[in-house]
Amino acid sequence: MANGMGNITWWGFSPATNLVTAHVKEHESGAAVNILVVGAGDLRHILKTLAESWRFPTGKISIYVVENSVEVLARHMLMLSLAVEPSAIMGLAGKHPLTAALQALY
């Protein structure tokens, strides 16, 4: 039975990396940077890239995500929507229980 159900990736095994730093020369010229993330399993690379995006304000950053299962992609969407929610709408006290509940899915 377990063989037929497949598996869902819970987390990755590498430290978070800013995905734009590999394209610094292209990005400094103002060109758009397109990044494809395949099967990462979590958002550590995307969140680090977003957190450090102020360092490269001149160009557009497009990140495309491909995952093996819909559940992982849905989890990514929930975490990203929670991460970018303005503090005027939902403060840290409101985000904490939701983050803890989503972490249980990891």
C-alpha atoms as a PDB file:
ATOM      1  CA  MET A   1       0.000   0.000   0.000  1.00  0.00           C
ATOM      2  CA  ALA A   2       2.759   2.466   0.880  1.00  0.00           C
ATOM      3  CA  ASN A   3       4.486   1.916  -2.458  1.00  0.00           C
ATOM      4  CA  GLY A   4       1.375   2.957  -4.358  1.00  0.00           C
ATOM      5  CA  MET A   5       0.881   6.169  -2.409  1.00  0.00           C
ATOM      6  CA  GLY A   6       4.214   7.736  -3.372  1.00  0.00           C
ATOM      7  CA  ASN A   7       6.005  10.285  -1.256  1.00  0.00           C
ATOM      8  CA  ILE A   8       5.800  13.982  -0.482  1.00  0.00           C
ATOM      9  CA  THR A   9       8.931  16.039   0.058  1.00  0.00           C
ATOM     10  CA  TRP A  10       8.910  17.654   3.508  1.00  0.00           C
ATOM     11  CA  TRP A  11      12.159  19.644   3.454  1.00  0.00           C
ATOM     12  CA  GLY A  12      15.421  20.029   1.574  1.00  0.00           C
ATOM     13  CA  PHE A  13      18.951  19.286   2.654  1.00  0.00           C
ATOM     14  CA  SER A  14      20.887  22.431   1.713  1.00  0.00           C
ATOM     15  CA  PRO A  15      21.134  25.812   3.438  1.00  0.00           C
ATOM     16  CA  ALA A  16      19.051  28.711   2.123  1.00  0.00           C
ATOM     17  CA  THR A  17      20.645  30.436  -0.864  1.00  0.00           C
ATOM     18  CA  ASN A  18      19.865  33.728  -2.543  1.00  0.00           C
ATOM     19  CA  LEU A  19      18.981  32.621  -6.067  1.00  0.00           C
ATOM     20  CA  VAL A  20      19.772  36.001  -7.649  1.00  0.00           C
ATOM     21  CA  THR A  21      23.432  36.103  -6.613  1.00  0.00           C
ATOM     22  CA  ALA A  22      24.281  33.692  -9.447  1.00  0.00           C
ATOM     23  CA  HIS A  23      22.955  36.332 -11.880  1.00  0.00           C
ATOM     24  CA  VAL A  24      24.413  39.487 -10.327  1.00  0.00           C
ATOM     25  CA  LYS A  25      26.120  40.722 -13.505  1.00  0.00           C
ATOM     26  CA  GLU A  26      22.970  40.250 -15.570  1.00  0.00           C
ATOM     27  CA  HIS A  27      20.838  41.855 -12.876  1.00  0.00           C
ATOM     28  CA  GLU A  28      23.082  44.895 -12.426  1.00  0.00           C
ATOM     29  CA  SER A  29      22.544  45.783 -16.073  1.00  0.00           C
ATOM     30  CA  GLY A  30      18.807  46.023 -15.403  1.00  0.00           C
ATOM     31  CA  ALA A  31      17.887  42.848 -17.237  1.00  0.00           C
ATOM     32  CA  ALA A  32      15.140  40.600 -15.918  1.00  0.00           C
ATOM     33  CA  VAL A  33      16.214  37.472 -14.039  1.00  0.00           C
ATOM     34  CA  ASN A  34      14.179  34.294 -14.516  1.00  0.00           C
ATOM     35  CA  ILE A  35      14.692  31.514 -11.970  1.00  0.00           C
ATOM     36  CA  LEU A  36      13.308  27.977 -12.150  1.00  0.00           C
ATOM     37  CA  VAL A  37      13.082  26.033  -8.865  1.00  0.00           C
ATOM     38  CA  VAL A  38      12.441  22.328  -9.425  1.00  0.00           C
ATOM     39  CA  GLY A  39      11.596  19.977  -6.556  1.00  0.00           C
ATOM     40  CA  ALA A  40      13.005  22.093  -3.721  1.00  0.00           C
ATOM     41  CA  GLY A  41      10.373  20.843  -1.259  1.00  0.00           C
ATOM     42  CA  ASP A  42      10.270  24.040   0.776  1.00  0.00           C
ATOM     43  CA  LEU A  43      10.543  27.803   0.437  1.00  0.00           C
ATOM     44  CA  ARG A  44      13.907  28.508   2.062  1.00  0.00           C
ATOM     45  CA  HIS A  45      15.589  29.621  -1.194  1.00  0.00           C
ATOM     46  CA  ILE A  46      12.627  31.692  -2.362  1.00  0.00           C
ATOM     47  CA  LEU A  47      12.152  33.402   1.000  1.00  0.00           C
ATOM     48  CA  LYS A  48      15.863  34.250   1.234  1.00  0.00           C
ATOM     49  CA  THR A  49      15.784  35.625  -2.308  1.00  0.00           C
ATOM     50  CA  LEU A  50      12.732  37.760  -1.495  1.00  0.00           C
ATOM     51  CA  ALA A  51      14.245  38.964   1.779  1.00  0.00           C
ATOM     52  CA  GLU A  52      17.424  40.084   0.014  1.00  0.00           C
ATOM     53  CA  SER A  53      15.762  41.429  -3.153  1.00  0.00           C
ATOM     54  CA  TRP A  54      16.286  45.013  -1.981  1.00  0.00           C
ATOM     55  CA  ARG A  55      19.956  44.579  -2.915  1.00  0.00           C
ATOM     56  CA  PHE A  56      19.031  44.368  -6.609  1.00  0.00           C
ATOM     57  CA  PRO A  57      16.299  46.977  -7.134  1.00  0.00           C
ATOM     58  CA  THR A  58      16.861  47.673 -10.830  1.00  0.00           C
ATOM     59  CA  GLY A  59      15.512  44.575 -12.577  1.00  0.00           C
ATOM     60  CA  LYS A  60      12.542  42.245 -12.425  1.00  0.00           C
ATOM     61  CA  ILE A  61      12.871  38.875 -10.694  1.00  0.00           C
ATOM     62  CA  SER A  62      10.558  36.079 -11.860  1.00  0.00           C
ATOM     63  CA  ILE A  63      10.589  32.812  -9.914  1.00  0.00           C
ATOM     64  CA  TYR A  64       8.907  29.716 -11.337  1.00  0.00           C
ATOM     65  CA  VAL A  65       8.302  26.696  -9.098  1.00  0.00           C
ATOM     66  CA  VAL A  66       7.809  23.088 -10.230  1.00  0.00           C
ATOM     67  CA  GLU A  67       6.979  20.447  -7.622  1.00  0.00           C
ATOM     68  CA  ASN A  68       6.232  16.763  -7.900  1.00  0.00           C
ATOM     69  CA  SER A  69       2.962  16.929  -5.945  1.00  0.00           C
ATOM     70  CA  VAL A  70       0.115  19.393  -5.714  1.00  0.00           C
ATOM     71  CA  GLU A  71       0.186  19.241  -1.885  1.00  0.00           C
ATOM     72  CA  VAL A  72       3.699  20.684  -1.754  1.00  0.00           C
ATOM     73  CA  LEU A  73       2.784  23.442  -4.196  1.00  0.00           C
ATOM     74  CA  ALA A  74      -0.322  24.308  -2.136  1.00  0.00           C
ATOM     75  CA  ARG A  75       1.819  24.450   1.012  1.00  0.00           C
ATOM     76  CA  HIS A  76       4.209  26.838  -0.779  1.00  0.00           C
ATOM     77  CA  MET A  77       1.321  29.079  -1.802  1.00  0.00           C
ATOM     78  CA  LEU A  78      -0.069  29.205   1.748  1.00  0.00           C
ATOM     79  CA  MET A  79       3.314  30.006   3.286  1.00  0.00           C
ATOM     80  CA  LEU A  80       4.103  32.700   0.705  1.00  0.00           C
ATOM     81  CA  SER A  81       0.701  34.354   1.134  1.00  0.00           C
ATOM     82  CA  LEU A  82       1.231  34.388   4.890  1.00  0.00           C
ATOM     83  CA  ALA A  83       4.784  35.731   4.555  1.00  0.00           C
ATOM     84  CA  VAL A  84       3.830  38.682   2.337  1.00  0.00           C
ATOM     85  CA  GLU A  85       0.612  39.597   4.181  1.00  0.00           C
ATOM     86  CA  PRO A  86       0.902  43.265   5.244  1.00  0.00           C
ATOM     87  CA  SER A  87       1.275  43.801   8.985  1.00  0.00           C
ATOM     88  CA  ALA A  88      -1.631  46.279   8.898  1.00  0.00           C
ATOM     89  CA  ILE A  89      -3.971  43.434   7.932  1.00  0.00           C
ATOM     90  CA  MET A  90      -2.421  40.669  10.035  1.00  0.00           C
ATOM     91  CA  GLY A  91       0.255  41.340  12.619  1.00  0.00           C
ATOM     92  CA  LEU A  92       2.866  38.953  13.954  1.00  0.00           C
ATOM     93  CA  ALA A  93       0.537  37.801  16.744  1.00  0.00           C
ATOM     94  CA  GLY A  94      -2.007  36.716  14.145  1.00  0.00           C
ATOM     95  CA  LYS A  95       0.567  35.100  11.865  1.00  0.00           C
ATOM     96  CA  HIS A  96       2.179  33.000  14.579  1.00  0.00           C
ATOM     97  CA  PRO A  97      -0.645  30.448  15.086  1.00  0.00           C
ATOM     98  CA  LEU A  98      -1.097  30.079  11.338  1.00  0.00           C
ATOM     99  CA  THR A  99       2.637  29.580  10.827  1.00  0.00           C
ATOM    100  CA  ALA A 100       2.702  26.966  13.562  1.00  0.00           C
ATOM    101  CA  ALA A 101      -0.231  25.136  11.961  1.00  0.00           C
ATOM    102  CA  LEU A 102       1.469  25.211   8.552  1.00  0.00           C
ATOM    103  CA  GLN A 103       4.719  24.001  10.085  1.00  0.00           C
ATOM    104  CA  ALA A 104       2.813  20.941  11.274  1.00  0.00           C
ATOM    105  CA  LEU A 105       2.239  20.191   7.581  1.00  0.00           C
ATOM    106  CA  TYR A 106       5.979  20.175   7.010  1.00  0.00           C
END
